[in-house]
Amino acid sequence: MTRVLVVDDEPQLLRALRINLRARDYEVEVAADGTTALRRAGAWKPDLVVLDLGLPDIPGIDVIHGLRGWTHVPIIVLSGRAGSQDKVEALEAGADDYVTKPFDIEELVARIRAVSRRISVTDTSWSVEVGEHTIDLVNKTVTGDVHLTPTEWELLDVLLRNPGKLISQRQLLTTVWGPSYLRETNYLRQYMAQLRRKLETDPAHPRHLLTEPGMGYRFQP
């Protein structure tokens, strides 16, 4: 049973999430502020954290930093802030995904399931299906007579090793091109378009290599 820690200062929302997640066979603990959340996370060791950014004692971003100091547990952020900058800051701090309030419970559950499916990838052997192609990240091969450039491989490697996770533009640019290329978002658009043409069944309507406008990209298995 997946253990989910829900952190929010709205009592009604906490109650609703606890009831709905338990009904779907999740084990749930709740916290109404950041200090309690960090304490319970350390004692209970959840498998996933659902975290509101607007907490009464400490900012949710600081809670993310506190968790990332000792654990890689997936974190899904909840917030009423619709601006993309807040979402980017949460992702850069270490969050795995972001849901804007108000939200549908089924959307949140779908995000939880997607994040929970993330695979711990080893460096010995791993392959993944993207459309009609099988990609071997270790041996750098793609079925179907597809050839990728070194830069395409680097970009694809980051995305495929984090299935379901929203990867920020900043993280991708820093990892693939380096910190001096943070403004070159056109690089990402160009190379993602190339990868879709090579790997997606319908590049104009991608199912696996997805864009989150203003924030980043996601590999959806």
Protein backbone atom coordinates (compact mmCIF):
# COMPACT_ATOMS: atom_id res chain seq x y z
CA MET A 1 0.00 0.00 0.00
CA THR A 2 1.41 3.39 -1.06
CA ARG A 3 1.92 5.78 1.86
CA VAL A 4 0.94 9.37 1.02
CA LEU A 5 1.62 12.39 3.23
CA VAL A 6 -0.78 15.26 2.42
CA VAL A 7 0.27 18.74 3.59
CA ASP A 8 -2.25 21.60 3.43
CA ASP A 9 -3.61 24.22 5.83
CA GLU A 10 -7.21 23.93 4.58
CA PRO A 11 -9.03 21.49 6.93
CA GLN A 12 -11.80 20.71 4.44
CA LEU A 13 -9.33 19.91 1.66
CA LEU A 14 -7.25 17.75 3.99
CA ARG A 15 -10.34 15.82 5.02
CA ALA A 16 -11.51 15.39 1.41
CA LEU A 17 -8.11 14.18 0.22
CA ARG A 18 -7.73 11.79 3.11
CA ILE A 19 -11.16 10.24 2.45
CA ASN A 20 -10.71 10.02 -1.33
CA LEU A 21 -7.18 8.62 -1.24
CA ARG A 22 -8.03 6.05 1.41
CA ALA A 23 -10.99 4.98 -0.71
CA ARG A 24 -8.46 4.23 -3.44
CA ASP A 25 -6.37 2.06 -1.09
CA TYR A 26 -3.69 4.61 -0.23
CA GLU A 27 -2.42 4.86 3.32
CA VAL A 28 -2.70 8.54 4.26
CA GLU A 29 -1.21 10.85 6.89
CA VAL A 30 -1.91 14.59 6.97
CA ALA A 31 -0.16 17.72 8.21
CA ALA A 32 -1.50 21.28 8.40
CA ASP A 33 1.85 23.12 8.38
CA GLY A 34 5.40 22.73 7.15
CA THR A 35 7.02 22.01 10.50
CA THR A 36 4.64 19.14 11.20
CA ALA A 37 5.09 17.88 7.64
CA LEU A 38 8.87 17.63 7.97
CA ARG A 39 8.56 15.91 11.34
CA ARG A 40 6.02 13.36 10.10
CA ALA A 41 7.94 12.73 6.91
CA GLY A 42 11.01 11.86 8.95
CA ALA A 43 9.12 9.56 11.30
CA TRP A 44 6.64 7.95 8.89
CA LYS A 45 8.77 7.72 5.71
CA PRO A 46 5.99 8.25 3.10
CA ASP A 47 6.24 6.93 -0.44
CA LEU A 48 4.92 10.23 -1.83
CA VAL A 49 4.18 13.76 -0.57
CA VAL A 50 1.33 16.00 -1.75
CA LEU A 51 2.35 19.50 -0.66
CA ASP A 52 0.60 22.88 -0.65
CA LEU A 53 2.95 25.81 -1.28
CA GLY A 54 1.04 28.32 0.86
CA LEU A 55 1.57 27.07 4.40
CA PRO A 56 1.05 29.17 7.56
CA ASP A 57 4.47 28.71 9.17
CA ILE A 58 7.14 28.17 6.50
CA PRO A 59 6.94 28.39 2.69
CA GLY A 60 6.24 25.16 0.84
CA ILE A 61 9.44 25.73 -1.16
CA ASP A 62 11.39 25.47 2.11
CA VAL A 63 9.61 22.21 2.91
CA ILE A 64 10.74 20.85 -0.47
CA HIS A 65 14.32 21.88 0.29
CA GLY A 66 14.05 20.28 3.73
CA LEU A 67 12.83 16.98 2.28
CA ARG A 68 15.41 16.98 -0.48
CA GLY A 69 18.12 17.25 2.13
CA TRP A 70 17.61 13.59 3.02
CA THR A 71 15.10 11.90 0.70
CA HIS A 72 14.20 11.51 -2.98
CA VAL A 73 10.53 10.80 -2.19
CA PRO A 74 8.30 12.08 -5.04
CA ILE A 75 6.63 15.42 -4.29
CA ILE A 76 3.49 16.70 -6.01
CA VAL A 77 2.87 20.38 -5.33
CA LEU A 78 -0.60 21.88 -4.87
CA SER A 79 -1.15 25.61 -5.12
CA GLY A 80 -3.69 28.25 -5.96
CA ARG A 81 -0.95 30.22 -7.68
CA ALA A 82 -1.48 29.84 -11.40
CA GLY A 83 1.68 31.63 -12.54
CA SER A 84 4.27 29.51 -14.29
CA GLN A 85 7.11 31.08 -12.26
CA ASP A 86 5.79 29.49 -9.05
CA LYS A 87 5.64 26.16 -10.79
CA VAL A 88 9.17 26.52 -12.11
CA GLU A 89 10.49 27.46 -8.66
CA ALA A 90 8.84 24.38 -7.16
CA LEU A 91 10.31 22.13 -9.85
CA GLU A 92 13.76 23.66 -9.42
CA ALA A 93 13.54 23.10 -5.67
CA GLY A 94 12.95 19.40 -6.29
CA ALA A 95 9.21 18.87 -6.81
CA ASP A 96 8.21 16.17 -9.29
CA ASP A 97 4.90 17.57 -10.50
CA TYR A 98 2.46 20.43 -10.00
CA VAL A 99 -1.35 20.60 -9.75
CA THR A 100 -3.13 23.96 -9.65
CA LYS A 101 -6.12 24.50 -7.35
CA PRO A 102 -8.99 23.98 -7.84
CA PHE A 103 -8.41 20.51 -9.20
CA ASP A 104 -10.36 17.35 -9.86
CA ILE A 105 -9.53 14.47 -7.52
CA GLU A 106 -9.19 12.14 -10.51
CA GLU A 107 -6.51 14.42 -11.96
CA LEU A 108 -4.55 14.32 -8.72
CA VAL A 109 -4.88 10.53 -8.45
CA ALA A 110 -3.67 10.20 -12.06
CA ARG A 111 -0.61 12.33 -11.21
CA ILE A 112 0.04 10.24 -8.10
CA ARG A 113 -0.13 7.04 -10.12
CA ALA A 114 2.15 8.44 -12.81
CA VAL A 115 4.76 9.58 -10.30
CA SER A 116 4.50 6.28 -8.42
CA ARG A 117 5.35 4.40 -11.62
CA ARG A 118 8.70 6.10 -11.86
CA ILE A 119 11.44 3.55 -12.27
CA SER A 120 14.75 3.45 -10.49
CA VAL A 121 17.03 3.02 -13.46
CA THR A 122 20.40 1.28 -13.18
CA ASP A 123 23.35 1.91 -15.46
CA THR A 124 23.68 -1.75 -16.47
CA SER A 125 20.71 -2.31 -18.75
CA TRP A 126 17.48 -0.49 -19.41
CA SER A 127 15.18 0.01 -22.36
CA VAL A 128 11.87 1.75 -22.84
CA GLU A 129 9.09 1.81 -25.41
CA VAL A 130 8.28 5.09 -27.16
CA GLY A 131 5.54 4.59 -29.72
CA GLU A 132 6.64 1.80 -32.05
CA HIS A 133 10.29 2.04 -31.01
CA THR A 134 12.35 0.35 -28.31
CA ILE A 135 15.11 2.58 -26.96
CA ASP A 136 18.17 1.18 -25.19
CA LEU A 137 19.73 4.02 -23.20
CA VAL A 138 22.82 2.04 -22.31
CA ASN A 139 23.82 0.82 -25.76
CA LYS A 140 22.37 3.91 -27.48
CA THR A 141 20.22 2.02 -29.96
CA VAL A 142 16.70 2.56 -31.33
CA THR A 143 14.70 -0.03 -33.23
CA GLY A 144 13.19 0.84 -36.59
CA ASP A 145 16.37 2.13 -38.19
CA VAL A 146 16.22 5.41 -36.24
CA HIS A 147 19.45 7.33 -35.67
CA LEU A 148 19.81 10.01 -33.00
CA THR A 149 22.46 12.70 -32.64
CA PRO A 150 24.55 12.90 -29.44
CA THR A 151 22.52 15.91 -28.26
CA GLU A 152 19.23 14.11 -28.94
CA TRP A 153 20.49 11.16 -26.89
CA GLU A 154 21.40 13.42 -23.95
CA LEU A 155 18.01 15.11 -23.98
CA LEU A 156 16.12 11.84 -24.36
CA ASP A 157 18.18 10.22 -21.60
CA VAL A 158 17.06 12.79 -19.02
CA LEU A 159 13.39 12.46 -19.96
CA LEU A 160 13.24 8.66 -20.23
CA ARG A 161 15.01 8.12 -16.92
CA ASN A 162 12.25 10.14 -15.22
CA PRO A 163 8.99 8.69 -16.59
CA GLY A 164 5.97 10.81 -15.73
CA LYS A 165 8.07 13.56 -14.18
CA LEU A 166 7.86 17.16 -15.33
CA ILE A 167 11.43 18.27 -16.08
CA SER A 168 11.93 22.04 -16.13
CA GLN A 169 13.43 23.88 -19.06
CA ARG A 170 16.23 25.10 -16.80
CA GLN A 171 17.16 21.59 -15.71
CA LEU A 172 17.22 20.29 -19.28
CA LEU A 173 19.26 23.20 -20.60
CA THR A 174 21.76 22.95 -17.74
CA THR A 175 22.13 19.18 -18.04
CA VAL A 176 22.41 18.98 -21.82
CA TRP A 177 24.06 22.26 -22.84
CA GLY A 178 25.41 23.78 -19.61
CA PRO A 179 24.52 26.69 -17.26
CA SER A 180 25.47 29.37 -19.81
CA TYR A 181 22.57 28.29 -22.07
CA LEU A 182 19.65 28.98 -19.70
CA ARG A 183 18.02 31.47 -22.10
CA GLU A 184 18.26 29.22 -25.14
CA THR A 185 14.79 27.69 -24.84
CA ASN A 186 14.65 27.60 -28.64
CA TYR A 187 17.18 24.76 -28.46
CA LEU A 188 14.67 22.68 -26.54
CA ARG A 189 11.84 23.40 -28.98
CA GLN A 190 14.03 22.48 -31.94
CA TYR A 191 15.40 19.24 -30.52
CA MET A 192 12.07 18.10 -29.09
CA ALA A 193 10.51 18.62 -32.51
CA GLN A 194 13.26 16.49 -34.04
CA LEU A 195 12.77 13.73 -31.47
CA ARG A 196 9.03 13.69 -32.08
CA ARG A 197 9.53 13.40 -35.83
CA LYS A 198 11.81 10.41 -35.27
CA LEU A 199 9.95 8.62 -32.46
CA GLU A 200 6.29 9.62 -32.24
CA THR A 201 3.69 7.89 -34.42
CA ASP A 202 1.96 11.25 -34.96
CA PRO A 203 4.53 14.03 -34.29
CA ALA A 204 1.84 16.74 -34.50
CA HIS A 205 -0.08 15.05 -31.67
CA PRO A 206 2.60 13.49 -29.45
CA ARG A 207 1.61 10.92 -26.84
CA HIS A 208 4.95 10.38 -25.12
CA LEU A 209 7.22 13.43 -25.50
CA LEU A 210 5.00 16.16 -24.08
CA THR A 211 5.40 19.91 -23.64
CA GLU A 212 4.18 21.70 -20.51
CA PRO A 213 3.98 25.31 -21.83
CA GLY A 214 6.21 27.73 -19.96
CA MET A 215 7.54 25.06 -17.63
CA GLY A 216 9.26 22.13 -19.28
CA TYR A 217 8.81 18.67 -20.78
CA ARG A 218 7.58 15.27 -19.71
CA PHE A 219 8.00 11.70 -20.95
CA GLN A 220 4.66 9.94 -20.64
CA PRO A 221 5.09 6.12 -20.89
